[in-house]
């Protein structure tokens, strides 16, 4: 019985990961945007969408959205947490350049994973936003 539940959980999590493709026979750019947002959330949190934490209605996107922006430091990958705490302990984490960068990245990822495809950013908008985030982060860290 346990194996059956485990397999069903993994199948459910996998199908959530590719929700756009599961609902349509055709691949779409909206599905690509959604998948990109999920991958970005994976990189930021260090968690997979198939993690046992994400059962039932809780997905990686829901989990991050529920914690954004106030609790982001609690849910991001340990390496990013250290970066956000900063080498200068006098700077409050929320004023840290790395923290602001992570918040911006999470915001882009969440905009990619909106439930309705027409509400999501286009990949062009995603690229523009990511470039602006990079430019801002690199400029402020020099």
C-alpha atoms as a PDB file:
ATOM      1  CA  UNK A   1       0.000   0.000   0.000  1.00  0.00           C
ATOM      2  CA  UNK A   2       2.807   2.431   0.861  1.00  0.00           C
ATOM      3  CA  UNK A   3       4.477   1.937  -2.532  1.00  0.00           C
ATOM      4  CA  UNK A   4       1.230   2.690  -4.356  1.00  0.00           C
ATOM      5  CA  UNK A   5       0.785   5.948  -2.398  1.00  0.00           C
ATOM      6  CA  UNK A   6       4.404   6.908  -3.046  1.00  0.00           C
ATOM      7  CA  UNK A   7       4.094   6.269  -6.784  1.00  0.00           C
ATOM      8  CA  UNK A   8       0.811   8.199  -6.959  1.00  0.00           C
ATOM      9  CA  UNK A   9       2.404  11.119  -5.107  1.00  0.00           C
ATOM     10  CA  UNK A  10       5.322  11.200  -7.547  1.00  0.00           C
ATOM     11  CA  UNK A  11       2.995  11.005 -10.554  1.00  0.00           C
ATOM     12  CA  UNK A  12       0.829  13.802  -9.155  1.00  0.00           C
ATOM     13  CA  UNK A  13       3.852  15.993  -8.443  1.00  0.00           C
ATOM     14  CA  UNK A  14       5.271  15.282 -11.892  1.00  0.00           C
ATOM     15  CA  UNK A  15       2.011  16.158 -13.602  1.00  0.00           C
ATOM     16  CA  UNK A  16       1.817  19.421 -11.655  1.00  0.00           C
ATOM     17  CA  UNK A  17       5.292  20.223 -12.891  1.00  0.00           C
ATOM     18  CA  UNK A  18       4.104  19.978 -16.470  1.00  0.00           C
ATOM     19  CA  UNK A  19       0.537  21.151 -15.964  1.00  0.00           C
ATOM     20  CA  UNK A  20       0.363  22.940 -19.309  1.00  0.00           C
ATOM     21  CA  UNK A  21       1.474  19.890 -21.231  1.00  0.00           C
ATOM     22  CA  UNK A  22      -0.769  17.557 -19.291  1.00  0.00           C
ATOM     23  CA  UNK A  23      -3.850  19.594 -20.241  1.00  0.00           C
ATOM     24  CA  UNK A  24      -3.037  19.965 -23.910  1.00  0.00           C
ATOM     25  CA  UNK A  25      -1.766  17.851 -26.737  1.00  0.00           C
ATOM     26  CA  UNK A  26       0.329  20.740 -28.013  1.00  0.00           C
ATOM     27  CA  UNK A  27       3.372  22.299 -26.452  1.00  0.00           C
ATOM     28  CA  UNK A  28       3.000  26.001 -25.788  1.00  0.00           C
ATOM     29  CA  UNK A  29       5.154  28.939 -24.878  1.00  0.00           C
ATOM     30  CA  UNK A  30       2.920  29.464 -21.836  1.00  0.00           C
ATOM     31  CA  UNK A  31       3.872  25.973 -20.693  1.00  0.00           C
ATOM     32  CA  UNK A  32       7.525  26.783 -21.293  1.00  0.00           C
ATOM     33  CA  UNK A  33       7.212  29.917 -19.155  1.00  0.00           C
ATOM     34  CA  UNK A  34       5.551  27.911 -16.382  1.00  0.00           C
ATOM     35  CA  UNK A  35       8.281  25.268 -16.492  1.00  0.00           C
ATOM     36  CA  UNK A  36      10.976  27.945 -16.464  1.00  0.00           C
ATOM     37  CA  UNK A  37       9.385  29.487 -13.366  1.00  0.00           C
ATOM     38  CA  UNK A  38       9.381  26.105 -11.629  1.00  0.00           C
ATOM     39  CA  UNK A  39      13.046  25.534 -12.480  1.00  0.00           C
ATOM     40  CA  UNK A  40      13.888  28.995 -11.162  1.00  0.00           C
ATOM     41  CA  UNK A  41      12.023  28.223  -7.915  1.00  0.00           C
ATOM     42  CA  UNK A  42      13.950  24.950  -7.647  1.00  0.00           C
ATOM     43  CA  UNK A  43      17.244  26.806  -7.937  1.00  0.00           C
ATOM     44  CA  UNK A  44      16.247  29.446  -5.401  1.00  0.00           C
ATOM     45  CA  UNK A  45      14.775  27.091  -2.786  1.00  0.00           C
ATOM     46  CA  UNK A  46      17.017  24.091  -3.351  1.00  0.00           C
ATOM     47  CA  UNK A  47      13.870  21.944  -3.397  1.00  0.00           C
ATOM     48  CA  UNK A  48      12.311  19.875  -6.156  1.00  0.00           C
ATOM     49  CA  UNK A  49       8.625  20.034  -7.046  1.00  0.00           C
ATOM     50  CA  UNK A  50       8.514  16.317  -6.226  1.00  0.00           C
ATOM     51  CA  UNK A  51       9.739  16.916  -2.645  1.00  0.00           C
ATOM     52  CA  UNK A  52       7.593  15.096  -0.068  1.00  0.00           C
ATOM     53  CA  UNK A  53       6.830  18.508   1.455  1.00  0.00           C
ATOM     54  CA  UNK A  54       4.643  19.285  -1.550  1.00  0.00           C
ATOM     55  CA  UNK A  55       1.673  16.980  -1.131  1.00  0.00           C
ATOM     56  CA  UNK A  56      -1.977  17.501  -1.903  1.00  0.00           C
ATOM     57  CA  UNK A  57      -2.676  21.055  -2.997  1.00  0.00           C
ATOM     58  CA  UNK A  58       0.726  22.388  -1.892  1.00  0.00           C
ATOM     59  CA  UNK A  59       3.134  22.855  -4.782  1.00  0.00           C
ATOM     60  CA  UNK A  60       6.528  24.492  -4.869  1.00  0.00           C
ATOM     61  CA  UNK A  61       4.896  27.597  -6.385  1.00  0.00           C
ATOM     62  CA  UNK A  62       2.198  27.749  -3.662  1.00  0.00           C
ATOM     63  CA  UNK A  63       4.818  27.217  -0.984  1.00  0.00           C
ATOM     64  CA  UNK A  64       6.995  30.084  -2.206  1.00  0.00           C
ATOM     65  CA  UNK A  65       4.014  32.357  -2.818  1.00  0.00           C
ATOM     66  CA  UNK A  66       2.765  31.827   0.753  1.00  0.00           C
ATOM     67  CA  UNK A  67       6.176  32.868   2.090  1.00  0.00           C
ATOM     68  CA  UNK A  68       6.801  35.787  -0.274  1.00  0.00           C
ATOM     69  CA  UNK A  69       8.132  38.330   0.544  1.00  0.00           C
ATOM     70  CA  UNK A  70       8.245  38.331   4.350  1.00  0.00           C
ATOM     71  CA  UNK A  71       9.537  34.798   4.935  1.00  0.00           C
ATOM     72  CA  UNK A  72      11.730  34.344   1.861  1.00  0.00           C
ATOM     73  CA  UNK A  73      14.897  34.058   3.953  1.00  0.00           C
ATOM     74  CA  UNK A  74      13.425  30.982   5.661  1.00  0.00           C
ATOM     75  CA  UNK A  75      12.702  29.081   2.457  1.00  0.00           C
ATOM     76  CA  UNK A  76      15.657  29.790   0.182  1.00  0.00           C
ATOM     77  CA  UNK A  77      18.625  27.492  -0.321  1.00  0.00           C
ATOM     78  CA  UNK A  78      21.175  27.523   2.521  1.00  0.00           C
ATOM     79  CA  UNK A  79      23.907  28.942   0.268  1.00  0.00           C
ATOM     80  CA  UNK A  80      21.664  31.826  -0.749  1.00  0.00           C
ATOM     81  CA  UNK A  81      20.734  32.394   2.895  1.00  0.00           C
ATOM     82  CA  UNK A  82      24.394  32.890   3.729  1.00  0.00           C
ATOM     83  CA  UNK A  83      24.831  35.245   0.802  1.00  0.00           C
ATOM     84  CA  UNK A  84      21.778  37.252   1.891  1.00  0.00           C
ATOM     85  CA  UNK A  85      23.031  37.516   5.447  1.00  0.00           C
ATOM     86  CA  UNK A  86      26.062  39.128   3.891  1.00  0.00           C
ATOM     87  CA  UNK A  87      29.661  39.404   4.818  1.00  0.00           C
ATOM     88  CA  UNK A  88      28.938  42.740   6.463  1.00  0.00           C
ATOM     89  CA  UNK A  89      26.950  41.832   9.575  1.00  0.00           C
ATOM     90  CA  UNK A  90      26.155  45.508  10.156  1.00  0.00           C
ATOM     91  CA  UNK A  91      23.821  45.470   7.164  1.00  0.00           C
ATOM     92  CA  UNK A  92      20.355  44.152   7.917  1.00  0.00           C
ATOM     93  CA  UNK A  93      19.540  41.219   5.638  1.00  0.00           C
ATOM     94  CA  UNK A  94      16.614  43.017   4.012  1.00  0.00           C
ATOM     95  CA  UNK A  95      18.930  45.857   2.981  1.00  0.00           C
ATOM     96  CA  UNK A  96      21.458  43.445   1.494  1.00  0.00           C
ATOM     97  CA  UNK A  97      21.990  43.562  -2.285  1.00  0.00           C
ATOM     98  CA  UNK A  98      21.898  39.777  -2.539  1.00  0.00           C
ATOM     99  CA  UNK A  99      18.607  39.649  -0.636  1.00  0.00           C
ATOM    100  CA  UNK A 100      17.042  42.215  -2.961  1.00  0.00           C
ATOM    101  CA  UNK A 101      18.322  40.219  -5.934  1.00  0.00           C
ATOM    102  CA  UNK A 102      16.762  37.005  -4.584  1.00  0.00           C
ATOM    103  CA  UNK A 103      13.455  38.794  -3.950  1.00  0.00           C
ATOM    104  CA  UNK A 104      13.441  40.034  -7.548  1.00  0.00           C
ATOM    105  CA  UNK A 105      14.219  36.550  -8.868  1.00  0.00           C
ATOM    106  CA  UNK A 106      11.425  35.026  -6.784  1.00  0.00           C
ATOM    107  CA  UNK A 107       9.043  37.666  -8.082  1.00  0.00           C
ATOM    108  CA  UNK A 108       9.908  36.736 -11.678  1.00  0.00           C
ATOM    109  CA  UNK A 109       9.562  33.010 -10.923  1.00  0.00           C
ATOM    110  CA  UNK A 110       6.148  33.519  -9.342  1.00  0.00           C
ATOM    111  CA  UNK A 111       5.015  35.630 -12.303  1.00  0.00           C
ATOM    112  CA  UNK A 112       5.950  32.679 -14.532  1.00  0.00           C
ATOM    113  CA  UNK A 113       3.844  30.239 -12.509  1.00  0.00           C
ATOM    114  CA  UNK A 114       0.517  32.065 -12.344  1.00  0.00           C
ATOM    115  CA  UNK A 115      -2.309  29.567 -12.685  1.00  0.00           C
ATOM    116  CA  UNK A 116      -3.804  31.239 -15.756  1.00  0.00           C
ATOM    117  CA  UNK A 117      -1.414  31.227 -18.729  1.00  0.00           C
ATOM    118  CA  UNK A 118      -2.554  34.632 -20.008  1.00  0.00           C
ATOM    119  CA  UNK A 119      -1.513  36.220 -16.678  1.00  0.00           C
ATOM    120  CA  UNK A 120       2.076  34.961 -16.943  1.00  0.00           C
ATOM    121  CA  UNK A 121       5.010  36.973 -18.218  1.00  0.00           C
ATOM    122  CA  UNK A 122       6.171  36.212 -21.718  1.00  0.00           C
ATOM    123  CA  UNK A 123       9.681  34.787 -22.089  1.00  0.00           C
ATOM    124  CA  UNK A 124      10.683  38.122 -23.580  1.00  0.00           C
ATOM    125  CA  UNK A 125       9.514  39.882 -20.394  1.00  0.00           C
ATOM    126  CA  UNK A 126      11.285  37.248 -18.299  1.00  0.00           C
ATOM    127  CA  UNK A 127      14.549  37.842 -20.188  1.00  0.00           C
ATOM    128  CA  UNK A 128      14.228  41.624 -19.834  1.00  0.00           C
ATOM    129  CA  UNK A 129      13.573  41.298 -16.097  1.00  0.00           C
ATOM    130  CA  UNK A 130      16.425  38.847 -15.526  1.00  0.00           C
ATOM    131  CA  UNK A 131      18.810  41.093 -17.433  1.00  0.00           C
ATOM    132  CA  UNK A 132      17.721  44.100 -15.340  1.00  0.00           C
ATOM    133  CA  UNK A 133      18.163  42.111 -12.102  1.00  0.00           C
ATOM    134  CA  UNK A 134      21.633  41.005 -13.168  1.00  0.00           C
ATOM    135  CA  UNK A 135      22.620  44.491 -14.233  1.00  0.00           C
ATOM    136  CA  UNK A 136      21.379  45.973 -10.955  1.00  0.00           C
ATOM    137  CA  UNK A 137      23.134  43.326  -8.851  1.00  0.00           C
ATOM    138  CA  UNK A 138      26.436  43.544 -10.722  1.00  0.00           C
ATOM    139  CA  UNK A 139      26.381  47.361 -10.650  1.00  0.00           C
ATOM    140  CA  UNK A 140      25.723  47.524  -6.896  1.00  0.00           C
ATOM    141  CA  UNK A 141      28.355  44.919  -5.990  1.00  0.00           C
ATOM    142  CA  UNK A 142      31.234  46.656  -7.796  1.00  0.00           C
END
